[in-house]
Amino acid sequence: MEIDIITYTDAQYASLTAEQLLEVRAAQIKKNKLTAKLEKDIRKAEENLVDNGTYLSSMRTAIVQELQEEYDAEVEVLREGLLFFLKFSTRPDASGAPYSVDYSLPVEDRFAIVKTYYETNYSDGNERFAAFQQDTVAVQYLGELYAPLYDYFLDSTY
């Protein structure tokens, strides 16, 4: 099963508990069902437009847009619920983190704290990336923003 409800790295998935993985799987299954329903609803709407002789009108675009917006809203609710669960279900021991760890902060602020720490304390890109790779707290602490920061530090090694 492809998981695209959230964007976690393999390392982040590996660090999740069994309960968390089940929640991710359940949310992905719900999203897949919503996707199938969207496709079915679009086909049905198109068939109705053909039957009415109005397929080439601008009605198709408006109907598809409306269905897509409803789908996007439902998926976002699922996604936010899953991220909320993952954020608060379990937390690794943060005593080994070299920066301040505060789970009450928005993930964007946590991202800034971690990024600033590594950029301030490691001037060499290779050393920075190696240190970041060893950071087991950041995997859970940054959530979906771990992968972009990982890529950012990886790019600084070249």
N, C-alpha and C. Protein backbone atom coordinates (compact mmCIF):
# COMPACT_ATOMS: atom_id res chain seq x y z
N MET A 1 0.85 -1.18 0.00
CA MET A 1 0.00 0.00 0.00
C MET A 1 0.89 1.23 0.00
N GLU A 2 0.60 2.13 -0.92
CA GLU A 2 1.30 3.40 -0.95
C GLU A 2 0.66 4.32 0.08
N ILE A 3 1.50 4.96 0.86
CA ILE A 3 1.00 5.88 1.88
C ILE A 3 1.28 7.30 1.41
N ASP A 4 0.21 8.03 1.10
CA ASP A 4 0.37 9.41 0.66
C ASP A 4 -0.52 10.38 1.42
N ILE A 5 -1.12 9.91 2.50
CA ILE A 5 -1.94 10.79 3.34
C ILE A 5 -1.02 11.77 4.11
N ILE A 6 0.19 11.30 4.46
CA ILE A 6 1.20 12.13 5.10
C ILE A 6 2.53 11.86 4.39
N THR A 7 3.47 12.77 4.57
CA THR A 7 4.78 12.60 3.94
C THR A 7 5.84 12.37 5.00
N TYR A 8 5.99 11.12 5.39
CA TYR A 8 7.02 10.72 6.34
C TYR A 8 8.10 9.96 5.59
N THR A 9 9.29 9.96 6.16
CA THR A 9 10.38 9.18 5.58
C THR A 9 10.28 7.75 6.10
N ASP A 10 11.03 6.85 5.50
CA ASP A 10 11.05 5.47 5.98
C ASP A 10 11.53 5.40 7.42
N ALA A 11 12.50 6.23 7.78
CA ALA A 11 13.00 6.26 9.15
C ALA A 11 11.90 6.68 10.13
N GLN A 12 11.07 7.62 9.72
CA GLN A 12 9.98 8.06 10.59
C GLN A 12 8.95 6.95 10.75
N TYR A 13 8.61 6.28 9.67
CA TYR A 13 7.66 5.16 9.78
C TYR A 13 8.23 4.06 10.67
N ALA A 14 9.53 3.81 10.55
CA ALA A 14 10.16 2.76 11.35
C ALA A 14 10.13 3.10 12.84
N SER A 15 10.10 4.38 13.18
CA SER A 15 10.09 4.77 14.58
C SER A 15 8.70 4.80 15.20
N LEU A 16 7.67 4.61 14.39
CA LEU A 16 6.30 4.64 14.92
C LEU A 16 5.98 3.35 15.67
N THR A 17 5.10 3.48 16.63
CA THR A 17 4.63 2.30 17.37
C THR A 17 3.61 1.55 16.51
N ALA A 18 3.29 0.35 16.94
CA ALA A 18 2.30 -0.46 16.21
C ALA A 18 0.96 0.27 16.15
N GLU A 19 0.57 0.90 17.25
CA GLU A 19 -0.69 1.64 17.30
C GLU A 19 -0.68 2.80 16.31
N GLN A 20 0.43 3.51 16.25
CA GLN A 20 0.54 4.63 15.32
C GLN A 20 0.49 4.15 13.87
N LEU A 21 1.16 3.05 13.59
CA LEU A 21 1.13 2.50 12.23
C LEU A 21 -0.27 2.08 11.82
N LEU A 22 -1.02 1.53 12.77
CA LEU A 22 -2.41 1.15 12.48
C LEU A 22 -3.25 2.39 12.17
N GLU A 23 -3.00 3.48 12.87
CA GLU A 23 -3.73 4.73 12.60
C GLU A 23 -3.38 5.28 11.22
N VAL A 24 -2.10 5.20 10.86
CA VAL A 24 -1.67 5.66 9.53
C VAL A 24 -2.36 4.81 8.47
N ARG A 25 -2.35 3.50 8.67
CA ARG A 25 -2.97 2.59 7.71
C ARG A 25 -4.47 2.87 7.59
N ALA A 26 -5.14 3.05 8.71
CA ALA A 26 -6.58 3.31 8.70
C ALA A 26 -6.89 4.62 7.97
N ALA A 27 -6.10 5.65 8.23
CA ALA A 27 -6.32 6.94 7.55
C ALA A 27 -6.07 6.80 6.05
N GLN A 28 -5.06 6.03 5.67
CA GLN A 28 -4.77 5.84 4.25
C GLN A 28 -5.90 5.08 3.56
N ILE A 29 -6.44 4.09 4.23
CA ILE A 29 -7.57 3.33 3.66
C ILE A 29 -8.77 4.24 3.46
N LYS A 30 -9.04 5.10 4.44
CA LYS A 30 -10.15 6.06 4.31
C LYS A 30 -9.91 7.00 3.13
N LYS A 31 -8.68 7.46 2.99
CA LYS A 31 -8.35 8.35 1.87
C LYS A 31 -8.53 7.62 0.55
N ASN A 32 -8.08 6.38 0.48
CA ASN A 32 -8.23 5.61 -0.76
C ASN A 32 -9.70 5.42 -1.12
N LYS A 33 -10.54 5.22 -0.11
CA LYS A 33 -11.98 5.09 -0.37
C LYS A 33 -12.56 6.41 -0.87
N LEU A 34 -12.11 7.51 -0.29
CA LEU A 34 -12.58 8.82 -0.74
C LEU A 34 -12.14 9.08 -2.19
N THR A 35 -10.93 8.66 -2.53
CA THR A 35 -10.43 8.83 -3.89
C THR A 35 -11.27 8.02 -4.88
N ALA A 36 -11.57 6.79 -4.51
CA ALA A 36 -12.41 5.95 -5.38
C ALA A 36 -13.80 6.55 -5.53
N LYS A 37 -14.34 7.09 -4.43
CA LYS A 37 -15.66 7.72 -4.49
C LYS A 37 -15.63 8.95 -5.39
N LEU A 38 -14.58 9.74 -5.30
CA LEU A 38 -14.44 10.92 -6.16
C LEU A 38 -14.45 10.50 -7.63
N GLU A 39 -13.66 9.51 -7.95
CA GLU A 39 -13.59 9.05 -9.35
C GLU A 39 -14.95 8.54 -9.82
N LYS A 40 -15.65 7.81 -8.96
CA LYS A 40 -16.98 7.30 -9.31
C LYS A 40 -17.97 8.45 -9.49
N ASP A 41 -17.92 9.43 -8.60
CA ASP A 41 -18.83 10.58 -8.69
C ASP A 41 -18.57 11.39 -9.95
N ILE A 42 -17.31 11.54 -10.33
CA ILE A 42 -16.98 12.27 -11.56
C ILE A 42 -17.51 11.51 -12.77
N ARG A 43 -17.30 10.20 -12.81
CA ARG A 43 -17.82 9.40 -13.92
C ARG A 43 -19.34 9.49 -14.02
N LYS A 44 -19.99 9.42 -12.87
CA LYS A 44 -21.46 9.49 -12.85
C LYS A 44 -21.93 10.87 -13.34
N ALA A 45 -21.27 11.92 -12.91
CA ALA A 45 -21.64 13.27 -13.35
C ALA A 45 -21.43 13.42 -14.84
N GLU A 46 -20.32 12.86 -15.35
CA GLU A 46 -20.06 12.93 -16.78
C GLU A 46 -21.11 12.15 -17.58
N GLU A 47 -21.51 11.00 -17.08
CA GLU A 47 -22.55 10.21 -17.75
C GLU A 47 -23.86 10.98 -17.79
N ASN A 48 -24.19 11.65 -16.69
CA ASN A 48 -25.41 12.46 -16.65
C ASN A 48 -25.35 13.61 -17.65
N LEU A 49 -24.18 14.23 -17.78
CA LEU A 49 -24.03 15.32 -18.74
C LEU A 49 -24.16 14.80 -20.18
N VAL A 50 -23.62 13.62 -20.44
CA VAL A 50 -23.74 13.02 -21.78
C VAL A 50 -25.21 12.71 -22.06
N ASP A 51 -25.88 12.11 -21.07
CA ASP A 51 -27.29 11.75 -21.24
C ASP A 51 -28.15 13.00 -21.50
N ASN A 52 -27.79 14.11 -20.89
CA ASN A 52 -28.54 15.35 -21.05
C ASN A 52 -28.09 16.17 -22.26
N GLY A 53 -27.02 15.70 -22.92
CA GLY A 53 -26.51 16.42 -24.07
C GLY A 53 -25.77 17.69 -23.73
N THR A 54 -25.24 17.78 -22.50
CA THR A 54 -24.56 19.00 -22.07
C THR A 54 -23.10 18.75 -21.70
N TYR A 55 -22.52 17.65 -22.17
CA TYR A 55 -21.15 17.28 -21.77
C TYR A 55 -20.13 18.34 -22.16
N LEU A 56 -20.28 18.94 -23.29
CA LEU A 56 -19.30 19.92 -23.77
C LEU A 56 -19.47 21.30 -23.14
N SER A 57 -20.45 21.45 -22.30
CA SER A 57 -20.67 22.75 -21.66
C SER A 57 -19.67 22.96 -20.52
N SER A 58 -19.69 24.14 -19.98
CA SER A 58 -18.80 24.45 -18.85
C SER A 58 -19.29 23.82 -17.55
N MET A 59 -20.42 23.17 -17.61
CA MET A 59 -20.98 22.53 -16.41
C MET A 59 -20.04 21.44 -15.89
N ARG A 60 -19.40 20.70 -16.80
CA ARG A 60 -18.50 19.62 -16.39
C ARG A 60 -17.38 20.16 -15.51
N THR A 61 -16.77 21.24 -15.94
CA THR A 61 -15.66 21.84 -15.18
C THR A 61 -16.12 22.26 -13.80
N ALA A 62 -17.29 22.88 -13.73
CA ALA A 62 -17.81 23.35 -12.45
C ALA A 62 -18.14 22.17 -11.52
N ILE A 63 -18.72 21.12 -12.08
CA ILE A 63 -19.07 19.95 -11.26
C ILE A 63 -17.82 19.26 -10.74
N VAL A 64 -16.83 19.07 -11.63
CA VAL A 64 -15.59 18.41 -11.22
C VAL A 64 -14.88 19.25 -10.16
N GLN A 65 -14.86 20.54 -10.34
CA GLN A 65 -14.22 21.42 -9.36
C GLN A 65 -14.89 21.32 -8.00
N GLU A 66 -16.21 21.30 -8.00
CA GLU A 66 -16.95 21.18 -6.74
C GLU A 66 -16.66 19.84 -6.06
N LEU A 67 -16.69 18.76 -6.82
CA LEU A 67 -16.40 17.45 -6.26
C LEU A 67 -14.97 17.39 -5.73
N GLN A 68 -14.03 17.97 -6.46
CA GLN A 68 -12.63 17.97 -6.04
C GLN A 68 -12.44 18.77 -4.75
N GLU A 69 -13.11 19.89 -4.62
CA GLU A 69 -13.01 20.70 -3.41
C GLU A 69 -13.56 19.96 -2.20
N GLU A 70 -14.67 19.26 -2.38
CA GLU A 70 -15.23 18.46 -1.29
C GLU A 70 -14.26 17.36 -0.89
N TYR A 71 -13.68 16.70 -1.87
CA TYR A 71 -12.71 15.63 -1.62
C TYR A 71 -11.50 16.18 -0.87
N ASP A 72 -10.94 17.28 -1.36
CA ASP A 72 -9.77 17.87 -0.72
C ASP A 72 -10.05 18.24 0.73
N ALA A 73 -11.23 18.77 1.01
CA ALA A 73 -11.58 19.15 2.37
C ALA A 73 -11.67 17.92 3.27
N GLU A 74 -12.29 16.85 2.77
CA GLU A 74 -12.41 15.62 3.57
C GLU A 74 -11.05 14.99 3.82
N VAL A 75 -10.18 14.99 2.82
CA VAL A 75 -8.84 14.43 2.99
C VAL A 75 -8.04 15.26 3.98
N GLU A 76 -8.18 16.57 3.93
CA GLU A 76 -7.45 17.44 4.86
C GLU A 76 -7.89 17.18 6.30
N VAL A 77 -9.18 16.94 6.52
CA VAL A 77 -9.66 16.61 7.87
C VAL A 77 -9.03 15.31 8.35
N LEU A 78 -8.99 14.31 7.48
CA LEU A 78 -8.34 13.03 7.82
C LEU A 78 -6.87 13.25 8.15
N ARG A 79 -6.20 13.98 7.30
CA ARG A 79 -4.76 14.22 7.44
C ARG A 79 -4.45 14.95 8.75
N GLU A 80 -5.20 16.01 9.02
CA GLU A 80 -4.97 16.78 10.25
C GLU A 80 -5.25 15.93 11.49
N GLY A 81 -6.28 15.11 11.43
CA GLY A 81 -6.57 14.22 12.55
C GLY A 81 -5.44 13.22 12.79
N LEU A 82 -4.91 12.67 11.72
CA LEU A 82 -3.80 11.73 11.84
C LEU A 82 -2.56 12.42 12.39
N LEU A 83 -2.24 13.59 11.87
CA LEU A 83 -1.07 14.32 12.37
C LEU A 83 -1.22 14.69 13.84
N PHE A 84 -2.43 15.05 14.23
CA PHE A 84 -2.69 15.36 15.64
C PHE A 84 -2.43 14.13 16.50
N PHE A 85 -2.96 12.98 16.06
CA PHE A 85 -2.75 11.73 16.80
C PHE A 85 -1.27 11.41 16.90
N LEU A 86 -0.55 11.50 15.79
CA LEU A 86 0.88 11.16 15.80
C LEU A 86 1.68 12.13 16.67
N LYS A 87 1.25 13.37 16.68
CA LYS A 87 1.95 14.39 17.47
C LYS A 87 1.85 14.13 18.96
N PHE A 88 0.69 13.67 19.41
CA PHE A 88 0.46 13.56 20.84
C PHE A 88 0.39 12.14 21.39
N SER A 89 0.47 11.12 20.54
CA SER A 89 0.30 9.75 21.03
C SER A 89 1.50 9.26 21.83
N THR A 90 2.67 9.41 21.32
CA THR A 90 3.88 9.04 22.07
C THR A 90 5.00 9.99 21.69
N ARG A 91 5.86 10.21 22.63
CA ARG A 91 6.99 11.09 22.38
C ARG A 91 8.26 10.38 22.84
N PRO A 92 9.30 10.43 22.03
CA PRO A 92 10.55 9.83 22.46
C PRO A 92 11.17 10.63 23.59
N ASP A 93 12.10 10.00 24.29
CA ASP A 93 12.81 10.69 25.35
C ASP A 93 13.63 11.82 24.72
N ALA A 94 13.31 13.02 25.08
CA ALA A 94 13.96 14.19 24.47
C ALA A 94 15.16 14.66 25.27
N SER A 95 15.55 13.92 26.29
CA SER A 95 16.66 14.37 27.13
C SER A 95 17.98 14.40 26.37
N GLY A 96 18.09 13.63 25.29
CA GLY A 96 19.33 13.62 24.51
C GLY A 96 19.37 14.66 23.42
N ALA A 97 18.31 15.43 23.27
CA ALA A 97 18.27 16.43 22.20
C ALA A 97 19.16 17.61 22.57
N PRO A 98 19.98 18.07 21.63
CA PRO A 98 20.87 19.20 21.92
C PRO A 98 20.18 20.57 21.83
N TYR A 99 18.91 20.59 21.52
CA TYR A 99 18.14 21.82 21.41
C TYR A 99 16.91 21.68 22.30
N SER A 100 16.22 22.77 22.56
CA SER A 100 15.05 22.69 23.42
C SER A 100 13.91 22.00 22.68
N VAL A 101 13.24 21.09 23.37
CA VAL A 101 12.14 20.33 22.80
C VAL A 101 10.86 20.73 23.51
N ASP A 102 9.93 21.27 22.74
CA ASP A 102 8.65 21.70 23.28
C ASP A 102 7.56 21.29 22.29
N TYR A 103 6.86 20.21 22.61
CA TYR A 103 5.83 19.69 21.71
C TYR A 103 4.60 20.59 21.60
N SER A 104 4.50 21.58 22.47
CA SER A 104 3.35 22.48 22.37
C SER A 104 3.53 23.52 21.27
N LEU A 105 4.74 23.66 20.75
CA LEU A 105 5.00 24.61 19.67
C LEU A 105 4.45 24.08 18.35
N PRO A 106 4.06 24.98 17.45
CA PRO A 106 3.68 24.54 16.10
C PRO A 106 4.88 23.90 15.41
N VAL A 107 4.63 22.98 14.51
CA VAL A 107 5.71 22.25 13.87
C VAL A 107 6.65 23.17 13.10
N GLU A 108 6.16 24.28 12.59
CA GLU A 108 7.01 25.22 11.88
C GLU A 108 8.05 25.85 12.83
N ASP A 109 7.64 26.13 14.07
CA ASP A 109 8.56 26.68 15.06
C ASP A 109 9.59 25.63 15.46
N ARG A 110 9.16 24.39 15.61
CA ARG A 110 10.09 23.31 15.94
C ARG A 110 11.13 23.15 14.83
N PHE A 111 10.65 23.24 13.58
CA PHE A 111 11.53 23.16 12.42
C PHE A 111 12.61 24.24 12.51
N ALA A 112 12.19 25.45 12.82
CA ALA A 112 13.12 26.58 12.90
C ALA A 112 14.15 26.37 14.01
N ILE A 113 13.72 25.84 15.14
CA ILE A 113 14.62 25.60 16.26
C ILE A 113 15.69 24.58 15.87
N VAL A 114 15.27 23.48 15.28
CA VAL A 114 16.21 22.41 14.91
C VAL A 114 17.16 22.90 13.82
N LYS A 115 16.61 23.55 12.82
CA LYS A 115 17.43 24.05 11.71
C LYS A 115 18.46 25.06 12.21
N THR A 116 18.02 25.98 13.04
CA THR A 116 18.92 26.99 13.59
C THR A 116 20.02 26.35 14.43
N TYR A 117 19.66 25.37 15.23
CA TYR A 117 20.66 24.69 16.05
C TYR A 117 21.77 24.11 15.18
N TYR A 118 21.40 23.35 14.17
CA TYR A 118 22.41 22.69 13.35
C TYR A 118 23.20 23.67 12.49
N GLU A 119 22.56 24.71 12.01
CA GLU A 119 23.29 25.70 11.21
C GLU A 119 24.23 26.53 12.07
N THR A 120 23.86 26.76 13.31
CA THR A 120 24.69 27.55 14.22
C THR A 120 25.89 26.76 14.74
N ASN A 121 25.67 25.48 15.03
CA ASN A 121 26.71 24.68 15.67
C ASN A 121 27.59 23.89 14.71
N TYR A 122 27.23 23.80 13.45
CA TYR A 122 28.03 23.04 12.48
C TYR A 122 28.20 23.89 11.22
N SER A 123 29.41 24.39 11.01
CA SER A 123 29.65 25.20 9.82
C SER A 123 29.91 24.35 8.59
N ASP A 124 30.44 23.15 8.79
CA ASP A 124 30.69 22.25 7.67
C ASP A 124 29.43 21.46 7.34
N GLY A 125 29.04 21.47 6.07
CA GLY A 125 27.80 20.80 5.65
C GLY A 125 27.82 19.30 5.90
N ASN A 126 28.96 18.67 5.71
CA ASN A 126 29.05 17.22 5.94
C ASN A 126 28.89 16.88 7.41
N GLU A 127 29.55 17.65 8.27
CA GLU A 127 29.42 17.43 9.72
C GLU A 127 27.98 17.67 10.17
N ARG A 128 27.38 18.74 9.64
CA ARG A 128 26.00 19.09 9.99
C ARG A 128 25.05 17.94 9.63
N PHE A 129 25.20 17.45 8.41
CA PHE A 129 24.32 16.38 7.95
C PHE A 129 24.53 15.10 8.76
N ALA A 130 25.80 14.78 9.06
CA ALA A 130 26.10 13.58 9.85
C ALA A 130 25.49 13.69 11.24
N ALA A 131 25.60 14.86 11.86
CA ALA A 131 25.02 15.06 13.19
C ALA A 131 23.50 14.97 13.14
N PHE A 132 22.92 15.56 12.11
CA PHE A 132 21.45 15.52 11.98
C PHE A 132 20.96 14.09 11.79
N GLN A 133 21.68 13.30 11.03
CA GLN A 133 21.30 11.90 10.81
C GLN A 133 21.27 11.12 12.11
N GLN A 134 22.12 11.48 13.05
CA GLN A 134 22.20 10.79 14.34
C GLN A 134 21.11 11.26 15.32
N ASP A 135 20.42 12.30 14.99
CA ASP A 135 19.41 12.89 15.87
C ASP A 135 18.12 12.06 15.82
N THR A 136 17.91 11.25 16.83
CA THR A 136 16.72 10.39 16.86
C THR A 136 15.49 11.15 17.34
N VAL A 137 15.66 12.25 18.02
CA VAL A 137 14.53 13.03 18.51
C VAL A 137 13.86 13.77 17.36
N ALA A 138 14.64 14.30 16.43
CA ALA A 138 14.11 15.11 15.34
C ALA A 138 13.14 14.32 14.46
N VAL A 139 13.34 13.03 14.35
CA VAL A 139 12.47 12.20 13.50
C VAL A 139 11.01 12.34 13.93
N GLN A 140 10.75 12.26 15.22
CA GLN A 140 9.38 12.41 15.73
C GLN A 140 9.02 13.87 15.95
N TYR A 141 9.97 14.64 16.41
CA TYR A 141 9.72 16.03 16.80
C TYR A 141 9.28 16.89 15.62
N LEU A 142 9.83 16.64 14.44
CA LEU A 142 9.53 17.47 13.28
C LEU A 142 8.38 16.96 12.44
N GLY A 143 7.95 15.74 12.65
CA GLY A 143 6.83 15.20 11.88
C GLY A 143 7.08 15.28 10.38
N GLU A 144 6.12 15.82 9.65
CA GLU A 144 6.22 15.89 8.19
C GLU A 144 7.33 16.83 7.71
N LEU A 145 7.81 17.68 8.57
CA LEU A 145 8.88 18.60 8.16
C LEU A 145 10.27 18.01 8.34
N TYR A 146 10.36 16.76 8.82
CA TYR A 146 11.66 16.12 8.95
C TYR A 146 12.30 15.90 7.57
N ALA A 147 11.54 15.35 6.63
CA ALA A 147 12.08 15.05 5.30
C ALA A 147 12.60 16.29 4.58
N PRO A 148 11.87 17.41 4.58
CA PRO A 148 12.43 18.60 3.92
C PRO A 148 13.73 19.09 4.58
N LEU A 149 13.81 19.01 5.90
CA LEU A 149 15.03 19.45 6.56
C LEU A 149 16.17 18.47 6.27
N TYR A 150 15.87 17.20 6.24
CA TYR A 150 16.85 16.18 5.87
C TYR A 150 17.41 16.48 4.48
N ASP A 151 16.53 16.74 3.53
CA ASP A 151 16.96 17.05 2.16
C ASP A 151 17.77 18.35 2.12
N TYR A 152 17.35 19.32 2.89
CA TYR A 152 18.06 20.60 2.94
C TYR A 152 19.50 20.40 3.43
N PHE A 153 19.65 19.64 4.52
CA PHE A 153 20.99 19.40 5.05
C PHE A 153 21.80 18.50 4.11
N LEU A 154 21.14 17.57 3.45
CA LEU A 154 21.82 16.71 2.47
C LEU A 154 22.36 17.56 1.33
N ASP A 155 21.56 18.50 0.85
CA ASP A 155 21.99 19.39 -0.25
C ASP A 155 23.19 20.24 0.15
N SER A 156 23.33 20.54 1.43
CA SER A 156 24.43 21.39 1.88
C SER A 156 25.76 20.62 1.96
N THR A 157 25.72 19.31 1.70
CA THR A 157 26.95 18.52 1.72
C THR A 157 27.67 18.57 0.39
N TYR A 158 27.02 19.07 -0.64
CA TYR A 158 27.64 19.11 -1.98
C TYR A 158 28.44 20.36 -2.19
